[in-house]
Amino acid sequence: MKIVAIIVLVVIALFLLLPILSGSASIPEDFSAMEIGDFISGYVHYWFTALRRIF
């Protein structure tokens, strides 16, 4: 049971960190609407591009 929990945590961490580490989604410096919007759009754009390349 512990190994499944660790694997799930690693998958979630990769899902969240890959766009940030690749530079597609920059971490917002403040919590303004523009900064958060840029972060979310970079995040979504990364996963759309990754899924498009896979399929």
PDB file of N, CA and C in Angstrom:
ATOM      1  N   MET A   1       0.813  -1.185   0.000  1.00  0.00           N
ATOM      2  CA  MET A   1       0.000   0.000   0.000  1.00  0.00           C
ATOM      3  C   MET A   1       0.863   1.258   0.000  1.00  0.00           C
ATOM      4  N   LYS A   2       1.991   1.219   0.682  1.00  0.00           N
ATOM      5  CA  LYS A   2       2.855   2.399   0.747  1.00  0.00           C
ATOM      6  C   LYS A   2       3.463   2.719  -0.615  1.00  0.00           C
ATOM      7  N   ILE A   3       3.800   1.688  -1.390  1.00  0.00           N
ATOM      8  CA  ILE A   3       4.420   1.921  -2.690  1.00  0.00           C
ATOM      9  C   ILE A   3       3.430   2.584  -3.649  1.00  0.00           C
ATOM     10  N   VAL A   4       2.153   2.228  -3.536  1.00  0.00           N
ATOM     11  CA  VAL A   4       1.131   2.846  -4.385  1.00  0.00           C
ATOM     12  C   VAL A   4       0.990   4.320  -4.034  1.00  0.00           C
ATOM     13  N   ALA A   5       1.024   4.650  -2.775  1.00  0.00           N
ATOM     14  CA  ALA A   5       0.921   6.042  -2.350  1.00  0.00           C
ATOM     15  C   ALA A   5       2.116   6.850  -2.844  1.00  0.00           C
ATOM     16  N   ILE A   6       3.285   6.278  -2.784  1.00  0.00           N
ATOM     17  CA  ILE A   6       4.483   6.966  -3.260  1.00  0.00           C
ATOM     18  C   ILE A   6       4.414   7.183  -4.762  1.00  0.00           C
ATOM     19  N   ILE A   7       3.962   6.185  -5.495  1.00  0.00           N
ATOM     20  CA  ILE A   7       3.848   6.320  -6.946  1.00  0.00           C
ATOM     21  C   ILE A   7       2.826   7.391  -7.311  1.00  0.00           C
ATOM     22  N   VAL A   8       1.715   7.417  -6.608  1.00  0.00           N
ATOM     23  CA  VAL A   8       0.698   8.438  -6.859  1.00  0.00           C
ATOM     24  C   VAL A   8       1.250   9.831  -6.568  1.00  0.00           C
ATOM     25  N   LEU A   9       1.982   9.997  -5.489  1.00  0.00           N
ATOM     26  CA  LEU A   9       2.573  11.307  -5.168  1.00  0.00           C
ATOM     27  C   LEU A   9       3.595  11.735  -6.205  1.00  0.00           C
ATOM     28  N   VAL A  10       4.379  10.806  -6.712  1.00  0.00           N
ATOM     29  CA  VAL A  10       5.368  11.138  -7.742  1.00  0.00           C
ATOM     30  C   VAL A  10       4.673  11.557  -9.033  1.00  0.00           C
ATOM     31  N   VAL A  11       3.622  10.870  -9.415  1.00  0.00           N
ATOM     32  CA  VAL A  11       2.885  11.226 -10.632  1.00  0.00           C
ATOM     33  C   VAL A  11       2.248  12.604 -10.493  1.00  0.00           C
ATOM     34  N   ILE A  12       1.670  12.891  -9.351  1.00  0.00           N
ATOM     35  CA  ILE A  12       1.071  14.211  -9.121  1.00  0.00           C
ATOM     36  C   ILE A  12       2.144  15.294  -9.149  1.00  0.00           C
ATOM     37  N   ALA A  13       3.283  15.041  -8.534  1.00  0.00           N
ATOM     38  CA  ALA A  13       4.370  16.016  -8.529  1.00  0.00           C
ATOM     39  C   ALA A  13       4.873  16.279  -9.941  1.00  0.00           C
ATOM     40  N   LEU A  14       5.016  15.218 -10.743  1.00  0.00           N
ATOM     41  CA  LEU A  14       5.448  15.409 -12.123  1.00  0.00           C
ATOM     42  C   LEU A  14       4.419  16.198 -12.915  1.00  0.00           C
ATOM     43  N   PHE A  15       3.151  15.902 -12.711  1.00  0.00           N
ATOM     44  CA  PHE A  15       2.087  16.618 -13.412  1.00  0.00           C
ATOM     45  C   PHE A  15       2.124  18.106 -13.083  1.00  0.00           C
ATOM     46  N   LEU A  16       2.425  18.430 -11.855  1.00  0.00           N
ATOM     47  CA  LEU A  16       2.452  19.832 -11.448  1.00  0.00           C
ATOM     48  C   LEU A  16       3.770  20.527 -11.775  1.00  0.00           C
ATOM     49  N   LEU A  17       4.885  19.810 -11.706  1.00  0.00           N
ATOM     50  CA  LEU A  17       6.192  20.455 -11.839  1.00  0.00           C
ATOM     51  C   LEU A  17       6.749  20.498 -13.258  1.00  0.00           C
ATOM     52  N   LEU A  18       6.350  19.590 -14.123  1.00  0.00           N
ATOM     53  CA  LEU A  18       6.919  19.578 -15.468  1.00  0.00           C
ATOM     54  C   LEU A  18       6.731  20.888 -16.235  1.00  0.00           C
ATOM     55  N   PRO A  19       5.537  21.497 -16.244  1.00  0.00           N
ATOM     56  CA  PRO A  19       5.413  22.785 -16.942  1.00  0.00           C
ATOM     57  C   PRO A  19       6.282  23.886 -16.344  1.00  0.00           C
ATOM     58  N   ILE A  20       6.450  23.861 -15.030  1.00  0.00           N
ATOM     59  CA  ILE A  20       7.259  24.887 -14.378  1.00  0.00           C
ATOM     60  C   ILE A  20       8.732  24.681 -14.700  1.00  0.00           C
ATOM     61  N   LEU A  21       9.189  23.435 -14.637  1.00  0.00           N
ATOM     62  CA  LEU A  21      10.602  23.149 -14.899  1.00  0.00           C
ATOM     63  C   LEU A  21      10.972  23.351 -16.359  1.00  0.00           C
ATOM     64  N   SER A  22      10.024  23.172 -17.268  1.00  0.00           N
ATOM     65  CA  SER A  22      10.316  23.363 -18.688  1.00  0.00           C
ATOM     66  C   SER A  22      10.327  24.840 -19.068  1.00  0.00           C
ATOM     67  N   GLY A  23       9.772  25.684 -18.233  1.00  0.00           N
ATOM     68  CA  GLY A  23       9.754  27.117 -18.511  1.00  0.00           C
ATOM     69  C   GLY A  23       8.478  27.583 -19.182  1.00  0.00           C
ATOM     70  N   SER A  24       7.531  26.690 -19.416  1.00  0.00           N
ATOM     71  CA  SER A  24       6.273  27.078 -20.055  1.00  0.00           C
ATOM     72  C   SER A  24       5.386  27.875 -19.108  1.00  0.00           C
ATOM     73  N   ALA A  25       5.379  27.513 -17.854  1.00  0.00           N
ATOM     74  CA  ALA A  25       4.563  28.203 -16.855  1.00  0.00           C
ATOM     75  C   ALA A  25       5.489  28.821 -15.822  1.00  0.00           C
ATOM     76  N   SER A  26       5.539  30.129 -15.818  1.00  0.00           N
ATOM     77  CA  SER A  26       6.378  30.799 -14.830  1.00  0.00           C
ATOM     78  C   SER A  26       5.605  30.973 -13.531  1.00  0.00           C
ATOM     79  N   ILE A  27       6.284  30.815 -12.432  1.00  0.00           N
ATOM     80  CA  ILE A  27       5.650  30.948 -11.127  1.00  0.00           C
ATOM     81  C   ILE A  27       5.279  32.416 -10.903  1.00  0.00           C
ATOM     82  N   PRO A  28       4.025  32.695 -10.544  1.00  0.00           N
ATOM     83  CA  PRO A  28       3.615  34.089 -10.345  1.00  0.00           C
ATOM     84  C   PRO A  28       4.372  34.742  -9.191  1.00  0.00           C
ATOM     85  N   GLU A  29       4.821  35.960  -9.416  1.00  0.00           N
ATOM     86  CA  GLU A  29       5.539  36.695  -8.377  1.00  0.00           C
ATOM     87  C   GLU A  29       4.583  37.314  -7.368  1.00  0.00           C
ATOM     88  N   ASP A  30       3.411  37.718  -7.836  1.00  0.00           N
ATOM     89  CA  ASP A  30       2.389  38.204  -6.934  1.00  0.00           C
ATOM     90  C   ASP A  30       1.053  37.588  -7.353  1.00  0.00           C
ATOM     91  N   PHE A  31       0.030  37.850  -6.602  1.00  0.00           N
ATOM     92  CA  PHE A  31      -1.256  37.214  -6.862  1.00  0.00           C
ATOM     93  C   PHE A  31      -2.200  38.126  -7.624  1.00  0.00           C
ATOM     94  N   SER A  32      -1.681  38.821  -8.641  1.00  0.00           N
ATOM     95  CA  SER A  32      -2.556  39.629  -9.479  1.00  0.00           C
ATOM     96  C   SER A  32      -3.229  38.723 -10.505  1.00  0.00           C
ATOM     97  N   ALA A  33      -4.315  39.199 -11.043  1.00  0.00           N
ATOM     98  CA  ALA A  33      -5.069  38.398 -12.005  1.00  0.00           C
ATOM     99  C   ALA A  33      -4.245  38.118 -13.252  1.00  0.00           C
ATOM    100  N   MET A  34      -3.443  39.076 -13.678  1.00  0.00           N
ATOM    101  CA  MET A  34      -2.623  38.908 -14.889  1.00  0.00           C
ATOM    102  C   MET A  34      -1.552  37.835 -14.685  1.00  0.00           C
ATOM    103  N   GLU A  35      -0.901  37.845 -13.542  1.00  0.00           N
ATOM    104  CA  GLU A  35       0.149  36.861 -13.258  1.00  0.00           C
ATOM    105  C   GLU A  35      -0.433  35.443 -13.164  1.00  0.00           C
ATOM    106  N   ILE A  36      -1.541  35.307 -12.487  1.00  0.00           N
ATOM    107  CA  ILE A  36      -2.166  33.989 -12.344  1.00  0.00           C
ATOM    108  C   ILE A  36      -2.693  33.517 -13.694  1.00  0.00           C
ATOM    109  N   GLY A  37      -3.238  34.415 -14.492  1.00  0.00           N
ATOM    110  CA  GLY A  37      -3.701  34.057 -15.833  1.00  0.00           C
ATOM    111  C   GLY A  37      -2.568  33.590 -16.721  1.00  0.00           C
ATOM    112  N   ASP A  38      -1.423  34.259 -16.657  1.00  0.00           N
ATOM    113  CA  ASP A  38      -0.255  33.837 -17.433  1.00  0.00           C
ATOM    114  C   ASP A  38       0.231  32.466 -16.986  1.00  0.00           C
ATOM    115  N   PHE A  39       0.212  32.220 -15.687  1.00  0.00           N
ATOM    116  CA  PHE A  39       0.628  30.922 -15.162  1.00  0.00           C
ATOM    117  C   PHE A  39      -0.294  29.813 -15.653  1.00  0.00           C
ATOM    118  N   ILE A  40      -1.591  30.025 -15.550  1.00  0.00           N
ATOM    119  CA  ILE A  40      -2.553  28.999 -15.966  1.00  0.00           C
ATOM    120  C   ILE A  40      -2.499  28.780 -17.464  1.00  0.00           C
ATOM    121  N   SER A  41      -2.362  29.843 -18.236  1.00  0.00           N
ATOM    122  CA  SER A  41      -2.302  29.663 -19.686  1.00  0.00           C
ATOM    123  C   SER A  41      -1.032  28.931 -20.105  1.00  0.00           C
ATOM    124  N   GLY A  42       0.088  29.206 -19.466  1.00  0.00           N
ATOM    125  CA  GLY A  42       1.316  28.469 -19.764  1.00  0.00           C
ATOM    126  C   GLY A  42       1.199  27.011 -19.373  1.00  0.00           C
ATOM    127  N   TYR A  43       0.556  26.760 -18.263  1.00  0.00           N
ATOM    128  CA  TYR A  43       0.356  25.400 -17.774  1.00  0.00           C
ATOM    129  C   TYR A  43      -0.509  24.595 -18.743  1.00  0.00           C
ATOM    130  N   VAL A  44      -1.646  25.181 -19.150  1.00  0.00           N
ATOM    131  CA  VAL A  44      -2.563  24.505 -20.072  1.00  0.00           C
ATOM    132  C   VAL A  44      -1.919  24.329 -21.437  1.00  0.00           C
ATOM    133  N   HIS A  45      -1.210  25.343 -21.899  1.00  0.00           N
ATOM    134  CA  HIS A  45      -0.541  25.253 -23.198  1.00  0.00           C
ATOM    135  C   HIS A  45       0.500  24.126 -23.203  1.00  0.00           C
ATOM    136  N   TYR A  46       1.225  23.970 -22.122  1.00  0.00           N
ATOM    137  CA  TYR A  46       2.217  22.894 -22.030  1.00  0.00           C
ATOM    138  C   TYR A  46       1.566  21.531 -22.181  1.00  0.00           C
ATOM    139  N   TRP A  47       0.475  21.298 -21.456  1.00  0.00           N
ATOM    140  CA  TRP A  47      -0.157  19.981 -21.494  1.00  0.00           C
ATOM    141  C   TRP A  47      -0.871  19.730 -22.804  1.00  0.00           C
ATOM    142  N   PHE A  48      -1.450  20.768 -23.441  1.00  0.00           N
ATOM    143  CA  PHE A  48      -2.036  20.576 -24.765  1.00  0.00           C
ATOM    144  C   PHE A  48      -0.968  20.203 -25.777  1.00  0.00           C
ATOM    145  N   THR A  49       0.170  20.863 -25.723  1.00  0.00           N
ATOM    146  CA  THR A  49       1.259  20.555 -26.639  1.00  0.00           C
ATOM    147  C   THR A  49       1.810  19.161 -26.381  1.00  0.00           C
ATOM    148  N   ALA A  50       1.979  18.798 -25.134  1.00  0.00           N
ATOM    149  CA  ALA A  50       2.501  17.469 -24.804  1.00  0.00           C
ATOM    150  C   ALA A  50       1.541  16.381 -25.256  1.00  0.00           C
ATOM    151  N   LEU A  51       0.261  16.550 -25.006  1.00  0.00           N
ATOM    152  CA  LEU A  51      -0.719  15.551 -25.429  1.00  0.00           C
ATOM    153  C   LEU A  51      -0.847  15.482 -26.953  1.00  0.00           C
ATOM    154  N   ARG A  52      -0.718  16.612 -27.622  1.00  0.00           N
ATOM    155  CA  ARG A  52      -0.774  16.623 -29.087  1.00  0.00           C
ATOM    156  C   ARG A  52       0.409  15.844 -29.673  1.00  0.00           C
ATOM    157  N   ARG A  53       1.583  15.968 -29.063  1.00  0.00           N
ATOM    158  CA  ARG A  53       2.750  15.220 -29.547  1.00  0.00           C
ATOM    159  C   ARG A  53       2.629  13.736 -29.269  1.00  0.00           C
ATOM    160  N   ILE A  54       1.989  13.384 -28.167  1.00  0.00           N
ATOM    161  CA  ILE A  54       1.827  11.961 -27.833  1.00  0.00           C
ATOM    162  C   ILE A  54       0.833  11.298 -28.785  1.00  0.00           C
ATOM    163  N   PHE A  55      -0.289  11.975 -29.037  1.00  0.00           N
ATOM    164  CA  PHE A  55      -1.325  11.379 -29.876  1.00  0.00           C
ATOM    165  C   PHE A  55      -1.200  11.869 -31.295  1.00  0.00           C
TER     166      PHE A  55
END
